[in-house]
């Protein structure tokens, strides 16, 4: 994964991953964040920073997550 500018915190990395057009799976999030619980990070992002996270089920049984930042 290539980040345009290296995000410094886990939350910044999470925002980049789920903000992409193709979204991110839980496995991708766990791979690029040093965490074992990506779902708790997404939950914290919605609670503390107002993001909206959408979940799409894939045919192979995985889920892809897409994030929308709060409106200013």
PDB file of N, CA and C in Angstrom:
ATOM      1  N   UNK A   1       0.854  -1.184   0.000  1.00  0.00           N
ATOM      2  CA  UNK A   1       0.000   0.000   0.000  1.00  0.00           C
ATOM      3  C   UNK A   1       0.878   1.217   0.000  1.00  0.00           C
ATOM      4  N   UNK A   2       0.542   2.146  -0.834  1.00  0.00           N
ATOM      5  CA  UNK A   2       1.296   3.383  -0.918  1.00  0.00           C
ATOM      6  C   UNK A   2       0.414   4.520  -0.424  1.00  0.00           C
ATOM      7  N   UNK A   3       0.878   5.234   0.569  1.00  0.00           N
ATOM      8  CA  UNK A   3       0.187   6.418   1.054  1.00  0.00           C
ATOM      9  C   UNK A   3       0.871   7.624   0.429  1.00  0.00           C
ATOM     10  N   UNK A   4       0.113   8.609  -0.105  1.00  0.00           N
ATOM     11  CA  UNK A   4       0.727   9.790  -0.708  1.00  0.00           C
ATOM     12  C   UNK A   4       1.651  10.512   0.273  1.00  0.00           C
ATOM     13  N   UNK A   5       1.154  10.757   1.465  1.00  0.00           N
ATOM     14  CA  UNK A   5       1.985  11.278   2.548  1.00  0.00           C
ATOM     15  C   UNK A   5       1.830  10.264   3.664  1.00  0.00           C
ATOM     16  N   UNK A   6       2.896   9.940   4.340  1.00  0.00           N
ATOM     17  CA  UNK A   6       2.810   8.910   5.352  1.00  0.00           C
ATOM     18  C   UNK A   6       1.958   9.384   6.537  1.00  0.00           C
ATOM     19  N   UNK A   7       0.777   8.767   6.725  1.00  0.00           N
ATOM     20  CA  UNK A   7      -0.045   9.121   7.879  1.00  0.00           C
ATOM     21  C   UNK A   7       0.656   8.674   9.162  1.00  0.00           C
ATOM     22  N   UNK A   8       0.554   9.495  10.192  1.00  0.00           N
ATOM     23  CA  UNK A   8       1.299   9.212  11.407  1.00  0.00           C
ATOM     24  C   UNK A   8       0.521   8.378  12.411  1.00  0.00           C
ATOM     25  N   UNK A   9      -0.784   8.536  12.458  1.00  0.00           N
ATOM     26  CA  UNK A   9      -1.555   7.806  13.456  1.00  0.00           C
ATOM     27  C   UNK A   9      -2.391   6.710  12.804  1.00  0.00           C
ATOM     28  N   UNK A  10      -2.860   5.792  13.627  1.00  0.00           N
ATOM     29  CA  UNK A  10      -3.708   4.719  13.118  1.00  0.00           C
ATOM     30  C   UNK A  10      -4.997   5.274  12.531  1.00  0.00           C
ATOM     31  N   UNK A  11      -5.563   6.281  13.168  1.00  0.00           N
ATOM     32  CA  UNK A  11      -6.811   6.846  12.674  1.00  0.00           C
ATOM     33  C   UNK A  11      -6.611   7.531  11.322  1.00  0.00           C
ATOM     34  N   UNK A  12      -5.481   8.199  11.131  1.00  0.00           N
ATOM     35  CA  UNK A  12      -5.196   8.816   9.827  1.00  0.00           C
ATOM     36  C   UNK A  12      -5.054   7.752   8.752  1.00  0.00           C
ATOM     37  N   UNK A  13      -4.398   6.664   9.070  1.00  0.00           N
ATOM     38  CA  UNK A  13      -4.269   5.565   8.100  1.00  0.00           C
ATOM     39  C   UNK A  13      -5.628   4.965   7.774  1.00  0.00           C
ATOM     40  N   UNK A  14      -6.457   4.786   8.802  1.00  0.00           N
ATOM     41  CA  UNK A  14      -7.789   4.224   8.589  1.00  0.00           C
ATOM     42  C   UNK A  14      -8.611   5.124   7.674  1.00  0.00           C
ATOM     43  N   UNK A  15      -8.539   6.429   7.876  1.00  0.00           N
ATOM     44  CA  UNK A  15      -9.268   7.372   7.025  1.00  0.00           C
ATOM     45  C   UNK A  15      -8.839   7.245   5.569  1.00  0.00           C
ATOM     46  N   UNK A  16      -7.544   7.088   5.332  1.00  0.00           N
ATOM     47  CA  UNK A  16      -7.042   6.930   3.963  1.00  0.00           C
ATOM     48  C   UNK A  16      -7.557   5.633   3.359  1.00  0.00           C
ATOM     49  N   UNK A  17      -7.519   4.542   4.124  1.00  0.00           N
ATOM     50  CA  UNK A  17      -7.922   3.238   3.592  1.00  0.00           C
ATOM     51  C   UNK A  17      -9.406   3.182   3.246  1.00  0.00           C
ATOM     52  N   UNK A  18     -10.265   3.606   4.168  1.00  0.00           N
ATOM     53  CA  UNK A  18     -11.698   3.489   3.888  1.00  0.00           C
ATOM     54  C   UNK A  18     -12.205   4.636   3.025  1.00  0.00           C
ATOM     55  N   UNK A  19     -11.408   5.671   2.862  1.00  0.00           N
ATOM     56  CA  UNK A  19     -11.785   6.790   2.003  1.00  0.00           C
ATOM     57  C   UNK A  19     -11.478   6.555   0.540  1.00  0.00           C
ATOM     58  N   UNK A  20     -10.770   5.471   0.237  1.00  0.00           N
ATOM     59  CA  UNK A  20     -10.457   5.162  -1.162  1.00  0.00           C
ATOM     60  C   UNK A  20     -11.720   4.778  -1.920  1.00  0.00           C
ATOM     61  N   UNK A  21     -11.683   4.914  -3.227  1.00  0.00           N
ATOM     62  CA  UNK A  21     -12.835   4.576  -4.065  1.00  0.00           C
ATOM     63  C   UNK A  21     -13.206   3.095  -3.926  1.00  0.00           C
ATOM     64  N   UNK A  22     -12.201   2.221  -3.807  1.00  0.00           N
ATOM     65  CA  UNK A  22     -12.473   0.790  -3.699  1.00  0.00           C
ATOM     66  C   UNK A  22     -12.692   0.336  -2.265  1.00  0.00           C
ATOM     67  N   UNK A  23     -12.587   1.255  -1.294  1.00  0.00           N
ATOM     68  CA  UNK A  23     -12.803   0.891   0.100  1.00  0.00           C
ATOM     69  C   UNK A  23     -11.682   0.017   0.625  1.00  0.00           C
ATOM     70  N   UNK A  24     -11.951  -0.689   1.721  1.00  0.00           N
ATOM     71  CA  UNK A  24     -10.951  -1.571   2.325  1.00  0.00           C
ATOM     72  C   UNK A  24     -11.647  -2.694   3.077  1.00  0.00           C
ATOM     73  N   UNK A  25     -11.057  -3.877   3.030  1.00  0.00           N
ATOM     74  CA  UNK A  25     -11.572  -4.997   3.808  1.00  0.00           C
ATOM     75  C   UNK A  25     -10.957  -4.954   5.202  1.00  0.00           C
ATOM     76  N   UNK A  26     -11.531  -5.731   6.113  1.00  0.00           N
ATOM     77  CA  UNK A  26     -10.992  -5.786   7.473  1.00  0.00           C
ATOM     78  C   UNK A  26      -9.558  -6.323   7.461  1.00  0.00           C
ATOM     79  N   UNK A  27      -9.271  -7.251   6.547  1.00  0.00           N
ATOM     80  CA  UNK A  27      -7.915  -7.795   6.448  1.00  0.00           C
ATOM     81  C   UNK A  27      -6.918  -6.726   6.000  1.00  0.00           C
ATOM     82  N   UNK A  28      -7.311  -5.885   5.055  1.00  0.00           N
ATOM     83  CA  UNK A  28      -6.437  -4.797   4.618  1.00  0.00           C
ATOM     84  C   UNK A  28      -6.196  -3.800   5.750  1.00  0.00           C
ATOM     85  N   UNK A  29      -7.256  -3.489   6.468  1.00  0.00           N
ATOM     86  CA  UNK A  29      -7.126  -2.544   7.571  1.00  0.00           C
ATOM     87  C   UNK A  29      -6.182  -3.106   8.633  1.00  0.00           C
ATOM     88  N   UNK A  30      -6.356  -4.376   8.990  1.00  0.00           N
ATOM     89  CA  UNK A  30      -5.490  -4.999   9.989  1.00  0.00           C
ATOM     90  C   UNK A  30      -4.043  -5.060   9.499  1.00  0.00           C
ATOM     91  N   UNK A  31      -3.863  -5.196   8.204  1.00  0.00           N
ATOM     92  CA  UNK A  31      -2.507  -5.286   7.653  1.00  0.00           C
ATOM     93  C   UNK A  31      -1.769  -3.953   7.733  1.00  0.00           C
ATOM     94  N   UNK A  32      -2.476  -2.854   7.475  1.00  0.00           N
ATOM     95  CA  UNK A  32      -1.815  -1.556   7.410  1.00  0.00           C
ATOM     96  C   UNK A  32      -1.899  -0.753   8.701  1.00  0.00           C
ATOM     97  N   UNK A  33      -2.690  -1.222   9.640  1.00  0.00           N
ATOM     98  CA  UNK A  33      -2.709  -0.613  10.972  1.00  0.00           C
ATOM     99  C   UNK A  33      -2.124  -1.640  11.934  1.00  0.00           C
ATOM    100  N   UNK A  34      -1.320  -1.223  12.865  1.00  0.00           N
ATOM    101  CA  UNK A  34      -0.811  -2.195  13.838  1.00  0.00           C
ATOM    102  C   UNK A  34      -1.872  -2.493  14.894  1.00  0.00           C
ATOM    103  N   UNK A  35      -2.963  -3.140  14.466  1.00  0.00           N
ATOM    104  CA  UNK A  35      -4.053  -3.457  15.381  1.00  0.00           C
ATOM    105  C   UNK A  35      -4.599  -4.838  15.079  1.00  0.00           C
ATOM    106  N   UNK A  36      -5.168  -5.459  16.082  1.00  0.00           N
ATOM    107  CA  UNK A  36      -5.821  -6.750  15.882  1.00  0.00           C
ATOM    108  C   UNK A  36      -7.331  -6.606  15.825  1.00  0.00           C
ATOM    109  N   UNK A  37      -7.832  -5.391  16.047  1.00  0.00           N
ATOM    110  CA  UNK A  37      -9.285  -5.179  16.034  1.00  0.00           C
ATOM    111  C   UNK A  37      -9.651  -3.970  15.171  1.00  0.00           C
ATOM    112  N   UNK A  38      -9.661  -4.152  13.855  1.00  0.00           N
ATOM    113  CA  UNK A  38      -9.983  -3.027  12.972  1.00  0.00           C
ATOM    114  C   UNK A  38     -11.404  -2.513  13.156  1.00  0.00           C
ATOM    115  N   UNK A  39     -12.325  -3.391  13.575  1.00  0.00           N
ATOM    116  CA  UNK A  39     -13.705  -2.961  13.730  1.00  0.00           C
ATOM    117  C   UNK A  39     -13.851  -1.965  14.883  1.00  0.00           C
ATOM    118  N   UNK A  40     -13.056  -2.125  15.919  1.00  0.00           N
ATOM    119  CA  UNK A  40     -13.136  -1.153  17.019  1.00  0.00           C
ATOM    120  C   UNK A  40     -12.592   0.204  16.588  1.00  0.00           C
ATOM    121  N   UNK A  41     -11.598   0.206  15.721  1.00  0.00           N
ATOM    122  CA  UNK A  41     -11.069   1.472  15.202  1.00  0.00           C
ATOM    123  C   UNK A  41     -12.125   2.178  14.349  1.00  0.00           C
ATOM    124  N   UNK A  42     -12.864   1.415  13.535  1.00  0.00           N
ATOM    125  CA  UNK A  42     -13.912   2.024  12.721  1.00  0.00           C
ATOM    126  C   UNK A  42     -15.035   2.559  13.609  1.00  0.00           C
ATOM    127  N   UNK A  43     -15.362   1.841  14.651  1.00  0.00           N
ATOM    128  CA  UNK A  43     -16.391   2.287  15.578  1.00  0.00           C
ATOM    129  C   UNK A  43     -15.982   3.592  16.255  1.00  0.00           C
ATOM    130  N   UNK A  44     -14.735   3.672  16.657  1.00  0.00           N
ATOM    131  CA  UNK A  44     -14.242   4.894  17.289  1.00  0.00           C
ATOM    132  C   UNK A  44     -14.264   6.060  16.312  1.00  0.00           C
ATOM    133  N   UNK A  45     -13.950   5.786  15.043  1.00  0.00           N
ATOM    134  CA  UNK A  45     -13.963   6.839  14.023  1.00  0.00           C
ATOM    135  C   UNK A  45     -15.368   7.413  13.848  1.00  0.00           C
ATOM    136  N   UNK A  46     -16.383   6.565  13.903  1.00  0.00           N
ATOM    137  CA  UNK A  46     -17.756   7.057  13.761  1.00  0.00           C
ATOM    138  C   UNK A  46     -18.198   7.814  15.010  1.00  0.00           C
ATOM    139  N   UNK A  47     -17.836   7.330  16.178  1.00  0.00           N
ATOM    140  CA  UNK A  47     -18.268   7.973  17.420  1.00  0.00           C
ATOM    141  C   UNK A  47     -17.579   9.300  17.669  1.00  0.00           C
ATOM    142  N   UNK A  48     -16.267   9.342  17.524  1.00  0.00           N
ATOM    143  CA  UNK A  48     -15.522  10.534  17.931  1.00  0.00           C
ATOM    144  C   UNK A  48     -15.346  11.565  16.832  1.00  0.00           C
ATOM    145  N   UNK A  49     -15.340  11.133  15.562  1.00  0.00           N
ATOM    146  CA  UNK A  49     -15.046  12.083  14.498  1.00  0.00           C
ATOM    147  C   UNK A  49     -16.172  12.238  13.479  1.00  0.00           C
ATOM    148  N   UNK A  50     -17.282  11.566  13.700  1.00  0.00           N
ATOM    149  CA  UNK A  50     -18.464  11.779  12.877  1.00  0.00           C
ATOM    150  C   UNK A  50     -18.455  11.155  11.492  1.00  0.00           C
ATOM    151  N   UNK A  51     -17.570  10.219  11.236  1.00  0.00           N
ATOM    152  CA  UNK A  51     -17.538   9.569   9.926  1.00  0.00           C
ATOM    153  C   UNK A  51     -18.734   8.638   9.773  1.00  0.00           C
ATOM    154  N   UNK A  52     -19.145   8.411   8.522  1.00  0.00           N
ATOM    155  CA  UNK A  52     -20.162   7.424   8.185  1.00  0.00           C
ATOM    156  C   UNK A  52     -19.456   6.278   7.481  1.00  0.00           C
ATOM    157  N   UNK A  53     -19.670   5.066   7.968  1.00  0.00           N
ATOM    158  CA  UNK A  53     -19.023   3.905   7.369  1.00  0.00           C
ATOM    159  C   UNK A  53     -20.095   2.984   6.814  1.00  0.00           C
ATOM    160  N   UNK A  54     -19.959   2.660   5.533  1.00  0.00           N
ATOM    161  CA  UNK A  54     -20.878   1.768   4.849  1.00  0.00           C
ATOM    162  C   UNK A  54     -20.197   0.426   4.631  1.00  0.00           C
ATOM    163  N   UNK A  55     -20.976  -0.645   4.730  1.00  0.00           N
ATOM    164  CA  UNK A  55     -20.434  -1.995   4.580  1.00  0.00           C
ATOM    165  C   UNK A  55     -21.098  -2.671   3.388  1.00  0.00           C
ATOM    166  N   UNK A  56     -20.284  -3.289   2.541  1.00  0.00           N
ATOM    167  CA  UNK A  56     -20.790  -4.008   1.373  1.00  0.00           C
ATOM    168  C   UNK A  56     -20.344  -5.453   1.472  1.00  0.00           C
ATOM    169  N   UNK A  57     -21.281  -6.386   1.329  1.00  0.00           N
ATOM    170  CA  UNK A  57     -20.943  -7.807   1.337  1.00  0.00           C
ATOM    171  C   UNK A  57     -20.445  -8.221  -0.037  1.00  0.00           C
ATOM    172  N   UNK A  58     -19.340  -8.961  -0.057  1.00  0.00           N
ATOM    173  CA  UNK A  58     -18.768  -9.455  -1.304  1.00  0.00           C
ATOM    174  C   UNK A  58     -19.194 -10.903  -1.527  1.00  0.00           C
ATOM    175  N   UNK A  59     -19.174 -11.382  -2.775  1.00  0.00           N
ATOM    176  CA  UNK A  59     -19.583 -12.764  -3.059  1.00  0.00           C
ATOM    177  C   UNK A  59     -18.729 -13.818  -2.342  1.00  0.00           C
ATOM    178  N   UNK A  60     -17.476 -13.475  -2.033  1.00  0.00           N
ATOM    179  CA  UNK A  60     -16.603 -14.459  -1.384  1.00  0.00           C
ATOM    180  C   UNK A  60     -16.768 -14.490   0.141  1.00  0.00           C
ATOM    181  N   UNK A  61     -17.740 -13.742   0.666  1.00  0.00           N
ATOM    182  CA  UNK A  61     -18.006 -13.768   2.100  1.00  0.00           C
ATOM    183  C   UNK A  61     -17.313 -12.672   2.900  1.00  0.00           C
ATOM    184  N   UNK A  62     -16.422 -11.923   2.258  1.00  0.00           N
ATOM    185  CA  UNK A  62     -15.769 -10.818   2.962  1.00  0.00           C
ATOM    186  C   UNK A  62     -16.630  -9.569   2.860  1.00  0.00           C
ATOM    187  N   UNK A  63     -16.262  -8.573   3.618  1.00  0.00           N
ATOM    188  CA  UNK A  63     -16.978  -7.307   3.594  1.00  0.00           C
ATOM    189  C   UNK A  63     -16.003  -6.188   3.259  1.00  0.00           C
ATOM    190  N   UNK A  64     -16.473  -5.238   2.475  1.00  0.00           N
ATOM    191  CA  UNK A  64     -15.675  -4.068   2.131  1.00  0.00           C
ATOM    192  C   UNK A  64     -16.310  -2.867   2.801  1.00  0.00           C
ATOM    193  N   UNK A  65     -15.465  -2.031   3.409  1.00  0.00           N
ATOM    194  CA  UNK A  65     -15.936  -0.870   4.147  1.00  0.00           C
ATOM    195  C   UNK A  65     -15.560   0.404   3.393  1.00  0.00           C
ATOM    196  N   UNK A  66     -16.521   1.322   3.328  1.00  0.00           N
ATOM    197  CA  UNK A  66     -16.320   2.603   2.678  1.00  0.00           C
ATOM    198  C   UNK A  66     -16.628   3.697   3.682  1.00  0.00           C
ATOM    199  N   UNK A  67     -15.796   4.712   3.740  1.00  0.00           N
ATOM    200  CA  UNK A  67     -15.985   5.787   4.706  1.00  0.00           C
ATOM    201  C   UNK A  67     -16.278   7.107   4.046  1.00  0.00           C
ATOM    202  N   UNK A  68     -17.155   7.875   4.705  1.00  0.00           N
ATOM    203  CA  UNK A  68     -17.466   9.230   4.258  1.00  0.00           C
ATOM    204  C   UNK A  68     -17.170  10.172   5.418  1.00  0.00           C
ATOM    205  N   UNK A  69     -16.344  11.176   5.188  1.00  0.00           N
ATOM    206  CA  UNK A  69     -16.050  12.129   6.264  1.00  0.00           C
ATOM    207  C   UNK A  69     -17.283  12.974   6.590  1.00  0.00           C
ATOM    208  N   UNK A  70     -17.312  13.550   7.780  1.00  0.00           N
ATOM    209  CA  UNK A  70     -18.467  14.387   8.126  1.00  0.00           C
ATOM    210  C   UNK A  70     -18.526  15.644   7.269  1.00  0.00           C
ATOM    211  N   UNK A  71     -19.716  16.131   7.056  1.00  0.00           N
ATOM    212  CA  UNK A  71     -19.874  17.374   6.296  1.00  0.00           C
ATOM    213  C   UNK A  71     -19.467  18.532   7.184  1.00  0.00           C
ATOM    214  N   UNK A  72     -18.816  19.499   6.585  1.00  0.00           N
ATOM    215  CA  UNK A  72     -18.304  20.638   7.368  1.00  0.00           C
ATOM    216  C   UNK A  72     -19.343  21.690   7.561  1.00  0.00           C
TER     217      UNK A  72
END
